[in-house]
Structures are given as structure tokens and as C-alpha cells.
N, C-alpha and C. Protein backbone atom coordinates (compact mmCIF):
# COMPACT_ATOMS: atom_id res chain seq x y z
N GLY A 1 1.00 -1.43 0.16
CA GLY A 1 0.08 0.03 -0.08
C GLY A 1 0.70 1.35 0.00
N ASP A 2 0.07 2.42 -0.14
CA ASP A 2 0.95 3.56 -0.02
C ASP A 2 1.65 3.88 1.41
N HIS A 3 2.40 4.25 1.66
CA HIS A 3 3.74 4.85 2.60
C HIS A 3 3.34 6.58 2.67
N LYS A 4 2.96 6.72 4.03
CA LYS A 4 3.17 8.14 4.25
C LYS A 4 4.20 9.10 3.92
N GLU A 5 5.47 7.79 4.54
CA GLU A 5 6.64 8.29 4.71
C GLU A 5 7.69 7.25 3.94
N ALA A 6 8.14 7.20 2.56
CA ALA A 6 8.83 6.29 1.81
C ALA A 6 9.82 5.42 2.56
N TYR A 7 10.52 6.40 2.95
CA TYR A 7 11.51 6.40 3.52
C TYR A 7 11.72 5.78 4.90
N MET A 8 10.29 5.57 5.47
CA MET A 8 10.47 5.23 6.81
C MET A 8 9.85 3.47 6.51
N LYS A 9 9.25 3.26 5.16
CA LYS A 9 8.85 1.82 4.62
C LYS A 9 9.49 0.51 5.27
N ASP A 10 10.61 0.44 5.50
CA ASP A 10 11.49 -0.30 5.63
C ASP A 10 11.47 -0.82 7.52
N MET A 11 10.72 0.47 8.16
CA MET A 11 11.47 0.42 9.63
C MET A 11 10.30 -0.44 9.67
N ASN A 12 8.65 -0.20 8.69
CA ASN A 12 7.47 -0.88 9.62
C ASN A 12 7.74 -2.74 9.89
N LYS A 13 8.35 -3.44 9.29
CA LYS A 13 8.68 -5.11 10.00
C LYS A 13 9.65 -4.92 11.31
N PHE A 14 10.71 -4.05 11.63
CA PHE A 14 11.02 -3.53 12.99
C PHE A 14 9.94 -3.23 13.70
N VAL A 15 9.51 -2.66 13.56
CA VAL A 15 8.82 -1.98 14.52
C VAL A 15 7.51 -3.34 14.88
N VAL A 16 7.17 -3.50 13.67
CA VAL A 16 6.01 -4.71 14.14
C VAL A 16 6.70 -5.73 14.93
N ASP A 17 7.75 -6.20 14.14
CA ASP A 17 8.18 -7.65 15.10
C ASP A 17 8.79 -6.74 16.81
N SER A 18 9.18 -5.72 16.80
CA SER A 18 9.73 -5.22 18.38
C SER A 18 8.36 -4.64 18.95
N MET A 19 7.42 -5.43 18.90
CA MET A 19 6.32 -4.15 19.22
C MET A 19 6.29 -4.64 20.75
N ASP A 20 6.18 -6.03 21.32
CA ASP A 20 6.13 -6.78 22.04
C ASP A 20 7.15 -5.91 23.22
N ILE A 21 8.27 -6.30 22.94
CA ILE A 21 9.61 -5.23 23.73
C ILE A 21 9.79 -4.18 24.05
N MET A 22 8.91 -3.35 22.92
CA MET A 22 8.92 -1.86 23.41
C MET A 22 7.91 -1.39 24.29
N LYS A 23 6.54 -2.08 24.34
CA LYS A 23 5.52 -2.23 24.91
C LYS A 23 6.40 -2.43 26.61
N SER A 24 7.09 -3.26 26.74
CA SER A 24 7.47 -3.88 28.04
C SER A 24 8.42 -3.15 28.54
N PHE A 25 9.48 -2.14 27.52
CA PHE A 25 10.26 -0.80 27.77
C PHE A 25 9.81 -0.08 28.75
N ILE A 26 8.13 0.39 27.33
CA ILE A 26 8.15 1.55 28.04
C ILE A 26 7.47 1.22 29.11
N ASN A 27 6.48 0.31 29.64
CA ASN A 27 5.96 0.10 30.94
C ASN A 27 7.05 0.20 32.06
N GLN A 28 8.18 -0.38 31.66
CA GLN A 28 9.37 -0.37 33.19
C GLN A 28 9.82 0.65 33.21
N ILE A 29 9.96 1.67 32.22
CA ILE A 29 10.49 2.81 32.36
C ILE A 29 9.52 4.27 33.06
N SER A 30 8.06 3.54 32.76
CA SER A 30 7.33 4.39 33.64
C SER A 30 6.33 4.14 34.79
N THR A 31 7.07 3.07 35.52
CA THR A 31 6.86 2.29 36.74
C THR A 31 7.76 2.79 37.55
N VAL A 32 7.06 2.98 38.82
CA VAL A 32 7.52 3.57 39.87
C VAL A 32 8.15 2.37 40.69
N PRO A 33 9.06 1.79 41.23
CA PRO A 33 9.30 0.69 42.08
C PRO A 33 8.84 1.00 43.60
N ASN A 34 8.86 0.08 43.86
CA ASN A 34 8.56 0.51 45.77
C ASN A 34 9.69 0.62 46.20
N GLU A 35 11.06 0.54 45.85
CA GLU A 35 11.67 0.92 46.95
C GLU A 35 12.34 2.25 46.20
N ALA A 36 11.53 3.04 45.43
CA ALA A 36 12.12 3.86 44.73
C ALA A 36 11.90 5.52 46.35
N PRO A 37 13.32 6.08 46.22
CA PRO A 37 13.44 7.03 47.82
C PRO A 37 12.32 7.87 47.30
N ARG A 38 11.60 8.67 48.19
CA ARG A 38 10.63 9.30 48.58
C ARG A 38 11.43 11.12 48.83
N THR A 39 10.98 11.83 47.81
CA THR A 39 11.59 13.04 48.23
C THR A 39 10.92 13.88 49.27
N PRO A 40 10.79 14.35 50.16
CA PRO A 40 10.11 15.39 50.98
C PRO A 40 9.38 16.27 50.51
N LYS A 41 8.41 16.63 51.17
CA LYS A 41 7.63 17.87 50.38
C LYS A 41 8.72 18.84 51.06
N PRO A 42 8.63 20.16 50.27
CA PRO A 42 9.31 21.41 50.07
C PRO A 42 8.59 21.95 51.36
N GLN A 43 9.50 22.58 52.31
CA GLN A 43 8.58 23.39 53.21
C GLN A 43 8.25 25.17 52.41
N ILE A 44 7.23 25.19 51.75
CA ILE A 44 6.58 26.68 51.84
C ILE A 44 6.17 27.60 52.87
N ASN A 45 7.08 28.50 52.85
CA ASN A 45 6.84 29.77 53.59
C ASN A 45 5.70 30.58 53.15
N ILE A 46 4.60 30.38 53.46
CA ILE A 46 3.28 31.37 52.88
C ILE A 46 3.34 32.48 52.77
N GLU A 47 4.09 33.48 53.93
CA GLU A 47 4.13 34.51 53.78
C GLU A 47 4.98 35.28 52.68
N LYS A 48 5.90 34.51 53.03
CA LYS A 48 6.99 34.94 51.95
C LYS A 48 6.70 34.86 50.56
N GLU A 49 5.65 34.12 49.60
CA GLU A 49 5.61 33.46 48.36
C GLU A 49 4.02 34.69 48.93
N LEU A 50 3.06 35.09 49.88
CA LEU A 50 2.23 35.85 49.60
C LEU A 50 3.19 37.51 49.57
N ALA A 51 3.74 37.77 50.26
CA ALA A 51 4.64 39.05 49.90
C ALA A 51 5.19 39.32 48.74
N CYS A 52 6.02 38.14 48.10
CA CYS A 52 6.62 38.04 46.76
C CYS A 52 5.55 38.13 45.52
N MET A 53 4.73 37.57 45.59
CA MET A 53 3.29 37.35 44.62
C MET A 53 3.17 39.27 44.57
N TYR A 54 2.14 39.70 45.65
CA TYR A 54 2.30 40.76 45.86
C TYR A 54 3.28 41.94 45.48
N ARG A 55 4.21 42.16 46.03
CA ARG A 55 5.54 42.61 45.32
C ARG A 55 5.40 42.47 43.68
N HIS A 56 5.35 41.70 43.26
CA HIS A 56 5.23 41.05 41.53
C HIS A 56 4.20 42.00 41.22
N LEU A 57 3.11 41.57 41.58
CA LEU A 57 1.84 42.09 40.53
C LEU A 57 1.66 43.77 40.91
N LEU A 58 2.22 44.34 42.35
CA LEU A 58 2.21 45.92 42.62
C LEU A 58 3.05 46.09 41.14
N ARG A 59 4.55 45.91 41.00
CA ARG A 59 5.32 46.03 39.87
C ARG A 59 4.61 46.39 38.53
N SER A 60 3.85 44.83 38.50
CA SER A 60 3.58 44.39 36.85
C SER A 60 2.12 44.91 36.67
N LYS A 61 1.83 45.98 37.84
CA LYS A 61 0.25 46.25 37.52
C LYS A 61 -0.18 47.31 36.37
N GLN A 62 1.15 48.30 35.77
CA GLN A 62 0.59 49.01 35.00
C GLN A 62 0.70 48.57 33.84
N ASP A 63 1.81 47.49 33.32
CA ASP A 63 2.04 47.29 32.25
C ASP A 63 0.52 46.35 31.99
N MET A 64 0.38 45.58 33.09
CA MET A 64 -0.79 44.67 33.00
C MET A 64 -2.12 45.81 32.37
N VAL A 65 -2.36 46.70 33.21
CA VAL A 65 -3.53 48.06 32.83
C VAL A 65 -3.41 48.12 31.42
N ASP A 66 -2.12 48.55 31.15
CA ASP A 66 -1.72 49.10 29.77
C ASP A 66 -2.44 47.83 28.83
N TYR A 67 -1.77 46.93 28.97
CA TYR A 67 -2.12 45.75 27.74
C TYR A 67 -3.63 45.46 27.67
N HIS A 68 -4.24 45.60 28.49
CA HIS A 68 -5.39 44.72 28.86
C HIS A 68 -7.11 46.47 27.84
N LYS A 69 -6.20 47.59 27.84
CA LYS A 69 -6.61 48.72 27.77
C LYS A 69 -6.77 48.58 26.05
N ASN A 70 -5.88 48.26 25.62
CA ASN A 70 -5.59 47.88 23.80
C ASN A 70 -6.27 46.41 23.90
N SER A 71 -6.64 45.62 24.59
CA SER A 71 -6.95 44.44 24.66
C SER A 71 -8.55 44.17 23.95
N THR A 72 -9.12 42.95 23.01
CA THR A 72 -10.45 43.37 22.96
C THR A 72 -10.99 42.09 23.64
N ASP A 73 -10.35 41.55 24.50
CA ASP A 73 -10.80 40.54 25.74
C ASP A 73 -11.11 41.13 26.38
N GLU A 74 -12.97 40.92 26.23
CA GLU A 74 -13.39 41.78 27.75
C GLU A 74 -14.04 41.16 28.53
N ASN A 75 -13.89 39.96 29.04
CA ASN A 75 -13.38 39.01 29.92
C ASN A 75 -12.48 39.77 30.95
N GLY A 76 -10.97 39.38 29.94
CA GLY A 76 -9.75 39.93 30.46
C GLY A 76 -9.96 41.35 31.22
N ALA A 77 -10.54 42.02 30.72
CA ALA A 77 -10.36 43.60 30.97
C ALA A 77 -11.12 43.52 32.24
N ARG A 78 -12.18 42.58 32.15
CA ARG A 78 -13.24 42.76 33.35
C ARG A 78 -12.41 42.06 34.73
N CYS A 79 -11.77 41.02 34.51
CA CYS A 79 -10.77 40.31 35.56
C CYS A 79 -10.00 41.48 35.87
N MET A 80 -9.25 42.01 34.89
CA MET A 80 -7.78 42.95 35.24
C MET A 80 -8.65 44.26 36.13
N GLN A 81 -9.63 44.55 35.83
CA GLN A 81 -10.71 45.75 36.75
C GLN A 81 -10.65 45.17 38.01
N LYS A 82 -11.46 43.79 38.38
CA LYS A 82 -11.35 43.28 39.43
C LYS A 82 -10.20 43.33 40.31
N MET A 83 -8.97 43.14 39.68
CA MET A 83 -8.05 42.63 40.57
C MET A 83 -7.05 44.02 40.81
N VAL A 84 -7.21 44.68 39.70
CA VAL A 84 -6.98 46.10 40.48
C VAL A 84 -7.49 46.84 41.39
N GLU A 85 -9.00 46.24 41.94
CA GLU A 85 -9.73 46.57 42.94
C GLU A 85 -9.09 46.51 43.81
N ILE A 86 -8.89 44.74 43.64
CA ILE A 86 -7.97 43.97 44.99
C ILE A 86 -6.67 44.64 45.28
N MET A 87 -6.41 44.73 44.24
CA MET A 87 -4.74 45.42 44.78
C MET A 87 -4.48 46.52 45.40
N ASP A 88 -5.69 47.59 44.49
CA ASP A 88 -5.97 49.10 45.52
C ASP A 88 -6.01 49.01 47.06
N ASN A 89 -7.19 47.95 47.17
CA ASN A 89 -7.68 47.34 48.90
C ASN A 89 -6.49 46.92 49.50
N LEU A 90 -5.73 46.16 49.20
CA LEU A 90 -4.94 45.43 49.47
C LEU A 90 -3.55 46.61 49.80
N GLU A 91 -3.58 47.20 48.76
CA GLU A 91 -2.05 48.69 49.08
C GLU A 91 -2.82 49.50 49.74
N ARG A 92 -3.93 50.12 50.51
CA ARG A 92 -4.61 51.02 51.26
C ARG A 92 -4.13 50.00 52.80
N GLU A 93 -4.29 48.84 53.16
CA GLU A 93 -4.46 48.11 53.98
C GLU A 93 -2.93 48.07 54.35
N VAL A 94 -2.18 47.90 53.46
CA VAL A 94 -0.76 47.41 53.90
C VAL A 94 -0.14 48.78 54.12
N LYS A 95 -0.45 49.62 53.56
CA LYS A 95 0.13 51.05 53.97
C LYS A 95 -0.47 51.70 55.38
N SER A 96 -1.76 51.45 55.55
CA SER A 96 -2.76 51.44 56.79
C SER A 96 -1.86 51.06 58.35
N ALA A 97 -1.48 49.62 57.98
CA ALA A 97 -1.01 48.80 58.78
C ALA A 97 0.40 49.30 59.73
N GLN A 98 0.02 49.43 61.11
CA GLN A 98 0.94 49.51 61.89
C GLN A 98 1.91 48.33 61.67
N PRO A 99 3.51 48.89 61.33
CA PRO A 99 4.75 48.22 61.14
C PRO A 99 5.04 47.55 62.32
N SER A 100 5.48 46.25 62.25
CA SER A 100 5.49 44.81 63.31
C SER A 100 6.71 44.66 63.04
N SER A 101 7.14 43.72 63.79
CA SER A 101 8.49 43.06 63.59
C SER A 101 8.73 41.53 62.59
N SER A 102 6.95 41.35 62.61
CA SER A 102 6.98 40.33 61.68
C SER A 102 7.48 40.46 60.12
N SER A 103 8.55 39.69 59.85
CA SER A 103 9.06 39.51 57.96
C SER A 103 8.11 40.03 56.89
N PHE A 104 6.90 39.32 57.64
CA PHE A 104 5.44 39.88 56.28
C PHE A 104 5.08 40.77 56.46
N SER A 105 5.21 41.54 57.30
CA SER A 105 4.66 43.05 57.31
C SER A 105 5.56 43.72 56.86
N SER A 106 7.11 43.62 57.06
CA SER A 106 8.11 44.65 56.63
C SER A 106 8.40 44.22 55.47
N SER A 107 8.04 42.92 54.58
CA SER A 107 8.45 42.55 53.24
C SER A 107 7.21 43.12 52.35
N PHE A 108 5.97 43.16 52.65
CA PHE A 108 5.14 44.02 52.39
C PHE A 108 5.71 45.41 52.03
N ASN A 109 5.90 46.00 53.11
CA ASN A 109 6.14 47.68 53.02
C ASN A 109 7.17 47.98 52.52
N ASN A 110 8.31 47.05 52.26
CA ASN A 110 9.39 47.43 51.72
C ASN A 110 9.93 46.79 50.23
N GLU A 111 9.08 47.36 49.32
CA GLU A 111 9.01 46.53 48.08
C GLU A 111 10.27 46.36 47.75
N ASP A 112 11.57 47.15 48.04
CA ASP A 112 13.14 46.97 47.53
C ASP A 112 13.97 45.44 48.34
N ASN A 113 13.27 45.05 49.30
CA ASN A 113 13.75 44.10 49.88
C ASN A 113 13.49 43.17 49.65
N LEU A 114 14.37 42.57 48.97
CA LEU A 114 14.77 40.77 48.26
C LEU A 114 15.21 39.74 49.39
N ASP A 115 15.32 40.77 50.66
CA ASP A 115 15.54 39.68 51.85
C ASP A 115 13.89 38.76 52.32
N LEU A 116 13.41 38.01 51.37
CA LEU A 116 12.33 37.87 52.70
C LEU A 116 12.16 36.58 54.00
N SER A 117 13.23 36.27 54.26
CA SER A 117 13.02 35.14 54.92
C SER A 117 12.60 35.11 56.34
N VAL A 118 12.06 34.56 56.96
CA VAL A 118 11.43 34.31 58.23
C VAL A 118 12.38 34.49 59.09
N ASN A 119 11.91 34.60 60.36
CA ASN A 119 13.15 34.96 61.37
C ASN A 119 12.84 33.43 62.41
């Protein structure tokens, strides 16, 4: 019959003859053995992650607003408007919060602080 790729025609017999071996190989490499070492779940510092996300959104806010001003995606523009409202509310809350000794508060209030480690 016709072959989609004539230069591969000679491989058909090899593939058919090797099908069981290939299936066995795929099954072998895709099965996790019982004795496989388990990696511990990473510790996530939620305060640090939220502070980083807030700072990133704050720095990117104007670019995102500008992008959606020129977009024809009405749903994206509505979502952007809602996000700006939320960010504005967060910004007011952060600015009105009394400074505390927590890393979370100092991370939120100091945009240039790149060390967000919790003591």
C-alpha cells in the first residue's frame, strides 16, 4: 500500500517485530518501583510567597492595565479591573497597617527588600 513516508517503509517490519519488547520497555521505565526513594515535600513559607506575589503584581500592575486597555478580550479586561480593585484595597491596607516585627509585614512594606526570610 501507500506509505506516508517512503523512507520509513523499511522500519515497518522492525516496529511490528519489536512491538512487545517496546511495550515492555515503556512499562518498565514508566513504573515507579516500591523501593524508590521518596522526596520530602518542600516547606513552603506562605508569608514569603504572598509577599513576593504581592510585590510582583504591584510592580507589573501598570503594564497589565495598559495591555488590557488595548485588548479586545472583554472578560480579561473585567478580570483586570477586579484585580486592580483588589490590589488597590490591599495597598491601602498595607499602607495603613502599623509596622510590626514580623517579616511578613516588613516584606510587604519594603518593595526593594529582596530578602524575605522569616526569622
